[in-house]
Protein backbone atom coordinates (compact mmCIF):
# COMPACT_ATOMS: atom_id res chain seq x y z
CA MET A 1 -48.28 16.93 -5.15
CA GLU A 2 -47.24 20.36 -6.42
CA LYS A 3 -46.01 21.30 -2.96
CA LEU A 4 -43.87 18.17 -2.74
CA SER A 5 -42.13 18.85 -6.04
CA GLU A 6 -41.41 22.44 -4.95
CA ASP A 7 -39.93 21.12 -1.71
CA PHE A 8 -37.84 18.62 -3.63
CA LYS A 9 -36.44 21.30 -5.96
CA ALA A 10 -35.52 23.49 -2.98
CA ARG A 11 -33.71 20.57 -1.38
CA GLN A 12 -31.85 19.47 -4.52
CA LYS A 13 -29.59 22.53 -4.79
CA PRO A 14 -27.79 22.18 -1.42
CA VAL A 15 -27.45 18.43 -2.02
CA ALA A 16 -25.82 19.08 -5.41
CA ARG A 17 -23.42 21.56 -3.79
CA ILE A 18 -22.47 19.01 -1.12
CA LEU A 19 -21.85 16.35 -3.80
CA VAL A 20 -19.62 18.75 -5.78
CA ALA A 21 -17.68 19.69 -2.63
CA VAL A 22 -17.22 16.04 -1.64
CA SER A 23 -16.07 14.99 -5.12
CA ALA A 24 -13.61 17.92 -5.24
CA ALA A 25 -12.24 16.98 -1.81
CA MET A 26 -11.87 13.34 -2.89
CA ALA A 27 -10.03 14.39 -6.07
CA GLY A 28 -7.66 16.61 -4.07
CA PHE A 29 -7.03 13.82 -1.57
CA LEU A 30 -6.27 11.31 -4.34
CA ILE A 31 -3.85 13.73 -6.01
CA MET A 32 -2.04 14.23 -2.70
CA MET A 33 -1.81 10.47 -2.19
CA PHE A 34 -0.38 9.95 -5.69
CA ARG A 35 2.24 12.65 -5.05
CA LEU A 36 3.26 11.04 -1.75
CA ILE A 37 3.56 7.62 -3.42
CA ARG A 38 5.67 9.06 -6.26
CA LYS A 39 8.13 10.67 -3.85
CA ARG A 40 9.07 7.32 -2.35
């Protein structure tokens, strides 16, 4: 059980980084879309 929790903690960090990167990319994409819509 102890080993599993250690494994889980090791795995959580890269997953959190991926989530942050994806959310940042989504925010940037949405901002670009809004700017394109406003230009028209």
